[in-house]
Amino acid sequence: MIQEPPRGSFPSQLWISWQVKIDVEGTELEVLRGGRDCVRTADMIIVECSVVARHSGESGFMEIGSYLSEKGFVLVDVIEMATYGRHGMLAYLDAVFMRKDNPFLSAVSREKP
């Protein structure tokens, strides 16, 4: 999970200034495509992605991830997962994508575990 670093740890330009959360029951990819300006200006996008189709014609995790990768984003976290059925198969997840060139990623990647 991405957690806010202590104040003063990073220069102010590393803060995430614009984030988007999308949860529209199977039409996430259509919303992303329709919101090109929003995607272009976002630093972080959180999208509910189906792993197993729950709605007719919906796009899943792989299609959404591929689309956002083409737009310059990288998967950085999964903040929620839901299962279904008696076997507990993964049904959907909330995926966090961040713009590849966001300085926050560079700063975090230089930290030691």
Protein backbone atom coordinates (compact mmCIF):
# COMPACT_ATOMS: atom_id res chain seq x y z
CA MET A 1 0.00 0.00 0.00
CA ILE A 2 1.22 3.51 -0.74
CA GLN A 3 1.43 5.43 2.49
CA GLU A 4 2.04 9.12 2.91
CA PRO A 5 5.66 9.69 3.93
CA PRO A 6 6.38 11.81 7.01
CA ARG A 7 6.16 15.54 6.29
CA GLY A 8 9.49 16.93 5.21
CA SER A 9 10.76 13.57 3.92
CA PHE A 10 10.36 14.44 0.25
CA PRO A 11 10.40 17.68 -1.71
CA SER A 12 6.94 19.13 -2.28
CA GLN A 13 6.99 18.31 -6.02
CA LEU A 14 6.78 14.60 -5.14
CA TRP A 15 3.31 14.80 -3.68
CA ILE A 16 0.52 13.36 -5.74
CA SER A 17 -1.55 16.29 -6.91
CA TRP A 18 -4.31 14.64 -8.95
CA GLN A 19 -5.80 11.21 -8.42
CA VAL A 20 -8.83 9.47 -9.87
CA LYS A 21 -10.90 6.59 -8.44
CA ILE A 22 -13.08 4.62 -10.84
CA ASP A 23 -15.63 1.99 -9.79
CA VAL A 24 -18.44 1.78 -12.33
CA GLU A 25 -19.42 -1.90 -12.33
CA GLY A 26 -17.76 -3.17 -15.48
CA THR A 27 -17.41 -0.07 -17.64
CA GLU A 28 -14.09 1.16 -16.21
CA LEU A 29 -12.23 0.94 -19.52
CA GLU A 30 -14.93 2.93 -21.31
CA VAL A 31 -14.75 5.60 -18.60
CA LEU A 32 -10.95 5.76 -18.95
CA ARG A 33 -11.21 6.10 -22.73
CA GLY A 34 -13.90 8.75 -22.45
CA GLY A 35 -11.94 10.68 -19.84
CA ARG A 36 -8.75 11.11 -21.87
CA ASP A 37 -8.04 14.58 -20.45
CA CYS A 38 -8.51 13.32 -16.92
CA VAL A 39 -6.17 10.36 -17.55
CA ARG A 40 -3.62 12.64 -19.20
CA THR A 41 -3.45 14.94 -16.16
CA ALA A 42 -3.74 12.34 -13.36
CA ASP A 43 -0.76 11.31 -11.26
CA MET A 44 -2.54 8.29 -9.80
CA ILE A 45 -5.55 6.24 -10.91
CA ILE A 46 -7.31 3.69 -8.71
CA VAL A 47 -9.53 1.33 -10.68
CA GLU A 48 -11.75 -1.52 -9.61
CA CYS A 49 -10.83 -4.33 -12.01
CA SER A 50 -12.59 -7.64 -12.47
CA VAL A 51 -10.46 -10.75 -12.55
CA VAL A 52 -13.47 -12.95 -13.34
CA ALA A 53 -16.18 -11.43 -15.55
CA ARG A 54 -19.09 -10.26 -13.41
CA HIS A 55 -20.85 -8.07 -15.98
CA SER A 56 -21.61 -8.65 -19.65
CA GLY A 57 -19.01 -7.07 -21.94
CA GLU A 58 -16.80 -5.73 -19.18
CA SER A 59 -13.05 -5.27 -19.47
CA GLY A 60 -10.90 -7.03 -16.92
CA PHE A 61 -7.71 -6.35 -15.03
CA MET A 62 -5.41 -7.26 -17.93
CA GLU A 63 -7.16 -4.98 -20.46
CA ILE A 64 -7.29 -2.06 -18.04
CA GLY A 65 -3.65 -2.52 -17.04
CA SER A 66 -2.59 -2.68 -20.68
CA TYR A 67 -4.51 0.48 -21.54
CA LEU A 68 -3.03 2.41 -18.64
CA SER A 69 0.46 1.15 -19.45
CA GLU A 70 0.05 2.58 -22.96
CA LYS A 71 -0.89 5.89 -21.33
CA GLY A 72 2.27 5.96 -19.22
CA PHE A 73 1.14 4.33 -15.98
CA VAL A 74 2.55 1.46 -13.96
CA LEU A 75 0.82 -0.77 -11.40
CA VAL A 76 2.12 0.14 -7.94
CA ASP A 77 -0.30 -1.49 -5.51
CA VAL A 78 -3.45 -3.51 -4.95
CA ILE A 79 -5.43 -2.05 -2.06
CA GLU A 80 -8.45 -4.32 -1.94
CA MET A 81 -9.34 -7.77 -3.20
CA ALA A 82 -12.62 -9.64 -3.10
CA THR A 83 -13.24 -13.34 -3.57
CA TYR A 84 -16.30 -15.37 -4.40
CA GLY A 85 -17.53 -18.94 -4.18
CA ARG A 86 -16.65 -21.66 -1.74
CA HIS A 87 -13.14 -21.95 -3.20
CA GLY A 88 -12.41 -18.27 -2.64
CA MET A 89 -11.47 -17.39 -6.23
CA LEU A 90 -10.36 -13.82 -6.77
CA ALA A 91 -13.27 -11.89 -8.28
CA TYR A 92 -12.06 -8.28 -8.42
CA LEU A 93 -9.47 -5.93 -7.00
CA ASP A 94 -8.76 -2.25 -6.62
CA ALA A 95 -5.54 -1.57 -8.54
CA VAL A 96 -3.42 1.54 -8.02
CA PHE A 97 -1.62 2.87 -11.09
CA MET A 98 0.85 5.75 -10.97
CA ARG A 99 2.37 7.74 -13.80
CA LYS A 100 5.78 6.21 -14.63
CA ASP A 101 7.55 9.56 -14.57
CA ASN A 102 6.19 10.65 -11.18
CA PRO A 103 9.20 11.66 -9.04
CA PHE A 104 7.60 9.92 -6.06
CA LEU A 105 8.33 6.53 -7.64
CA SER A 106 12.00 7.41 -8.11
CA ALA A 107 12.32 8.58 -4.52
CA VAL A 108 10.60 5.49 -3.11
CA SER A 109 12.65 3.12 -5.27
CA ARG A 110 15.87 4.56 -3.78
CA GLU A 111 14.72 3.77 -0.22
CA LYS A 112 16.10 0.75 1.54
CA PRO A 113 13.59 -1.83 2.82
